[in-house]
Every structure is written in structure tokens, then in C-alpha cells.
Amino acid sequence: MIYFVIRVLVNGLALALTMILAPGLNLLPLLPGVVDVTATYLLFGILFGVINALVRPLVLLLTARLLVRTMGWFAIVINAFLFALLAWIAPKAFVVESPRLLWIVIGGSLMAIVVVVMEAFFGLDKPEFRNKTESQIYWRWVGMLSSGRRNTIAENLRIAQISEISSRYLKDIVVDMTPLARFRVFMQELLFRSVDPVQSLTLPEKVRYMLQELGPTFVKFGQIVSSRAQQLPPEWLYELERLQSNVPPFPYEVAREILIRELKDTPENLFASFETEPFAAASTAQVHKATLHDGTVVVVKVQRPNIDVTVKADLNVMRDLTKRIQRKQEWAQAIDLRSLVNEFADAILYELDYRNEAANISLLTRNMAQFDAIHVPTVYSDLSTSKVLTMEFIAGVKINNVERIKAAGIDCQALARQFVHAMTKQALFDGFFHADPHPGNVLVDLETGRIGFLDMGLMGELNRTQRMALADLLVSMVERDGYNLGKAALHLSRPLPGRVIDDAEFLEMMDRFGQRFLGDQDADLGYTVNALQDVLRRSGLRLDPNFTLVFKTLMQADEIVRGLDPQIMLSNAAVESSLTLAREELNSEALAKTVRTQISRSSREVFYRIPSLVEATTKWLDQYEKGRLSVHVDLSDVSRDVDKLDKALKKGMDQLVLGLLLTGWLVGAAIAATVEIQVGTFRLSDLAFYMFMAGTIVSAYVVFQIIRRFNKDEDENP
């Protein structure tokens, strides 16, 4: 009752202030002699409260996307409409002078501003300090309204919810910084009969609760910030990191319904036992422990209900907003904000389909098969879908729980090197690596000492060129070579839109960077990586998305390694591991396999090109017979010094002839390698292989002679 009275008084007072500030508006007694002016203001305060509570949500449900498209300016139209509706209800009492539209717009804007300010100071819209774990039933119905790629109703509803939640928290944060903070606390105690728990929280804690209430998309955003922005103060990093583990679960009844819908049977029939209480919960899912009928202990990851509808709506809103911001703001163009948001959106949508994670686990299992100290869980595909993932249970403690690891008699230094060995193999040799190795995703079995990887929803991929660039970067860090670090960085990044990069200037800057940041052997890798990213941004470069993940992974891995053994530098250990792995990979069997693979690929390429060569030759002959054969030669880059050119051609003619012969030899050997003809113990493919190796050796000798002659000519004609 007290809340209702205060709300009516605030609305009435806001209306009175609006009338004072807008001379074209006036409020007369509703019933002269019966209801005076004060009572009229109170009655209109009640009317405004009803309109604001009932009509505004409906208007936002239909038009909220226009707020994003107009960068918030459409709010003026909404406020003017509500104010006009208030004037329309009692036109005799609510006087609007000409021009009516202008005064309606001014009045609606003033009324909205005054109400927001007074609500903030009177504490009428305090944060509810809630962790909503149940998805409202209407989201399932809203999800059915999608027509194509966009769901307008879902997006409008999410915009309204995001605006309302963030507004409550931001008002509380702003007022808490003013002298009126104590008055707000007093009013909230009077209105709600309880002390507001938000008042006792720090600013980072309030932001964390706001992100949790905003939903999974914003929780994931906070997690990414916590893992990449190491420059944040410790209290901020601590609270954002809590988003990774401090997420409340949703009821088992809801999880059971999802399991039945996805797996087409009840958990009681599918499993020998199923724990109804989840032992872990994240922003997008929760995990239950279960036992298969053969006695195998597994974990069942169940996606939060209707999360795909809200997340897709959030991401579409973010894309629209960043698109408009980047058009108008130079800072957004400088960091290519739109691409960053698109990468964020793609990563979340990829993670929401658990079939992708199942495939990632299978591939990582094959890649890690040679490491006895590494364990990747087995996936049970018959009990997995896009929203449910069943996999082997891995026992252990977080890899940063050094006390328990040491108490179990496990060598932390050896454990750190095994971890680096595995991550180096993934990134530099396989090009497929765990991109979120925070301590919660890396466990240590205290009985066996094995390292277990969890949560393969986010994986990074690197092609051969990118892996070489990453290796150059690590070697340059070890050698404290800023210049070559810069050359590697150029391969890892691309210019921002509209920026032209001066390579020489950038490399000079990186040389200075190396002297400053790479000279300290004990320098924190996270600090160095962040400094490198800052240099790239200032130079107009943006990391390739895959390398953004690489740098994030490097910082997380460095934190784990330093926690296990502060004496180990990740970059040094990674280079040592890469050399060890290279020796293991470059054995005779692996080399022969690589050569055979290259021969097979070359043969296929030749056969693919044969039809096109026949077609081209036929076409040339037709043109010759018709007298139309012509050859187009571009002489724009030919040197004017014809004598020197002629001399060079004569000198190179013998190498050219020999080169053509060797080419024919190699191609012929490659083709023969694919033909399986065997006479007794003799196989044509074996002969082809030896011919190919002999041709390669002769080719190398010819190249050596050409280089030698070139150097001799340079000495004679400096």
C-alpha cells in the first residue's frame, strides 16, 4: 500500500513539474467544486501509472526494435504517444495549446525524464537481486512465432527486458555515488520493509548480478571479458570469473522434460541411475551425474530451456546496434566492433549445438591418443543430441588446486610440462586446440595424475601457415626479438577497414616493443600479450579471429603453468615441447607417409587437369586452322636492357631444359605411383617412389648449381 501511495505521489509530482516546465500545457480541475487541482494531479498520477504499466509494454512488444534502429530516439515517440493518451482521456481537464503535436512531444519527454529521476531517488525500481533460473513458459510460444531468420516479437521482448533490468541496476549504481544514496536506502526500507541487499554490494558485484539477470548471452559476454581483459582490477576479474561457476541451476522437472523430448524416453529407462540434483551449472546448461546400465558413470549436460530463442534474439539486437554504432563512431570503426560482435555471436551459436562439441571431443581424443598423461572423455552418441550431451565422467580436482595435487604426491613441475606438451601438440602440430582451458575445464585425477580436458564447446583451428606464424611468434618471444615478433604479428593480423599499414614503421615499433616487454625473463605473459594487442590496435591491425582465441588460450595456459611451477615460462616450455614433438613426428615411417600423400595429391591434380589441357589444345588447333591463333604477351614489366636479358636467357637455357626433363620425370613417377601393377614381388608403385626420390635429389643439385652460378655472377658484376 505504501508503495502504491508513493508511486501515485511521484507520478502526480512529475506531472506538476512537467506543467511548470512546459507553458503550453495546463491541467484544470477535473470536476470544479468537487475535485480540486491537487486531487486532479493525483488522479492523473494513477492514470499515468496504469498506462505506463499496461500500455508501454504492449507498445514496446510491437516497436522496440525501432529503439535500436534509431539509437534510442524512438523513445520520444513512445513517450509522446503515452502522454497524448493521457491527454485524450480527459480533454477538458488536460489542456494542450497549439501547436498541439509540439507540446505533446515536449510534455512526453519531460514527463519521462522527471519520472525516471524521481524513481531513482525514491528507490521505486530497485534491483530485485534475483537469479532467475526458470524460463517463462511464454518463451516457448514466442519461439514458434519465428518467420525466417528473425523473430521480431522475441527481439522486441528482449529489448524491453534488457532495458528494464539494466535501467534498475544503473540507477542504483549512479544514485549510490551521490549524497542522496542514504535517502534512497531509507525509502527502500520504508517501501519494501527490508534492507536492500544490493546496497551492501560493491560495484563489480552489482555488475555481476546484472549480467546474470540479463541472461546467458550477457553471462557469456562477461566470461569472455574476464578471460581476455587481464588489465582489469583484481576485484573486477574476481567477480566476472565467478560467472563461470556461480550460476544457479534450473529445476529437475524442467531438465527431465527436455531429456524426454530430446532422447525420446525417460531418464529412468535410459539410465540405471540419474541424480536429480545437478552437480554443476553454467550459463547455458547444467550437468547431472548418472550411471549407465553397464555400470559406467557418466555426466549428462542438459541445455537450459528456451535458451536458443533468447540468445538468438539478443545476438540479432547486438548486431543491429553495433552496425549503427560503427557507421557513426570512429572508435567503433577503429576496433571493427561489428566483426567482434559477429565473432562473439558465431561462437555462442556454435556452442549451443552440442553435436559440434561431440565432434570436437572425438577429434581431440584421436589427437591426444599418444599421450598417456592426457584423458579426454568418451562421448555416448546414442544418448546425445543438439541439446543433450552424455559423456564419460572424469574424476579429479581443478588443475589450480595445487595443495591437493601436492598432497596426492603428484609432481607439479612434471604436471605443468605435460600440460604444455599437450597444448603445444594441439596448437602447433594439430591446428585444433582447446580454446577455453581455464582451471574449471582442466582437471587432475589425484589417483593416476592424468590431466582431463572438459567442455570442448569452444575449440580453435589453425591452418599450416598460421601454425608456422604462431611458432615464429613463440620463438621470437623466447629470443626476445621484437623485429621478428612484428613480422609474425603481420601474418597473424589484418588491417582494419580504411587503414593502410606501413610495414617498416610497424616493425620499427615492434623492435622497441621487444626491448621494453621481452627483456624481463619473469614478465607475465598475459601482460605481454595484452601489450602486443594494444600495439596492433594502435597500428591499425586486428588479430585474425583464430589468433584472438590463441592469445586468450595462451594467457589461460600461462596462468595454469605458473600456478603449478612459477619457474616455468610458457613460451620457453612451448618451444622445447615443439622441438621434442618434431623429433617424434619426423621418423622414417611418418616421412614416407607424407611423401606418399604428396605423390597421391600430385597425381590427382595431374589427372584433374588432363581434360582441361585436351580442351585447350583442341581450341588452339581450331584457331590455327582458321587463321585466328594469337598470343597475347604483356611486355609492361620487361626490362629495357635487352642485351642483359638475352645473356641471362642463354645462360639459363640448359637449366630450363634439364628442369623440364626433371618435371616430366617427377610427374611420370607420381602418375605411376597410383597404378597398382605387380609382377612377382616387384611393384610399379615402389619403383615410382624411388624414381621420385632420385628426381628430387637431382632437382636439389640443379637448384644448388643455379644458386652457385647466380652468386658467382653477383661477385663478378656487383
Foldseek 3Di string as FASTA:
>chain_A
DVLVVVQLVLLLVLLVVLCVVQVQKAFAALDPPPGHPSNVSSVLSVVLVVCVVPVLLVVLLVCVLVCLLVVNPCVLVVLLVSQVVSCVVRVVRIGGHPVRSVSSSSSSVSSVVSSLVVCLLLVSQAQPLDQDAADDPVLVVQVVCDDPLDRSSLLSNLSVVLCSLVSNLVSLVVVLVDPSNVVNQVSCCVVVVDGDPVNPDDPLLSVLSSQSSSALLSLVVLLVCLLQVPVDDPVNNVSNVVLAFVHDHHFLVVQQVQLCVFLVDGPVVQFVFKDRDFPGDHRFWTKTWTAHPVGFIKIKTAGRPSRVSNLSSVLVSVLSNLVVCCVPDVVCLLQVVNVVSVLSSVLVVLLLFCVNLLVLLVVLCVLCVVPPQEDGWHWDVSSDGRGMTMTGDDDFAFLLPQVLLVVLVHQLLVLLLSVLLSQLSCVQPVQKHQLDVARVQWGADSVPRHIYGHDSSDIFGDDNQLSVLVLQLLVCLVVLAQLSNLVSQPVFKDFRPPDDADSVVLSVVSRVLSVVQSPDPLGQLSVSLVVVQVSQSVRRIDGDPSVSSVSSSQNSSQVSSCSSPVVDDSSVSSNVSVVVVVVVCPDPVNVVVVLLVVLQVLLVVVVVCVVVVVVVVVVQVVCVVVVNRDDDDDCPPPDPPVVVVVVVCVVCVVVVVVVVVLVVQQNVLSNQLVDFDDDPPDTSNVVSVVSNVVSVVVVVVSVVVVVVVVVVVVVVPD
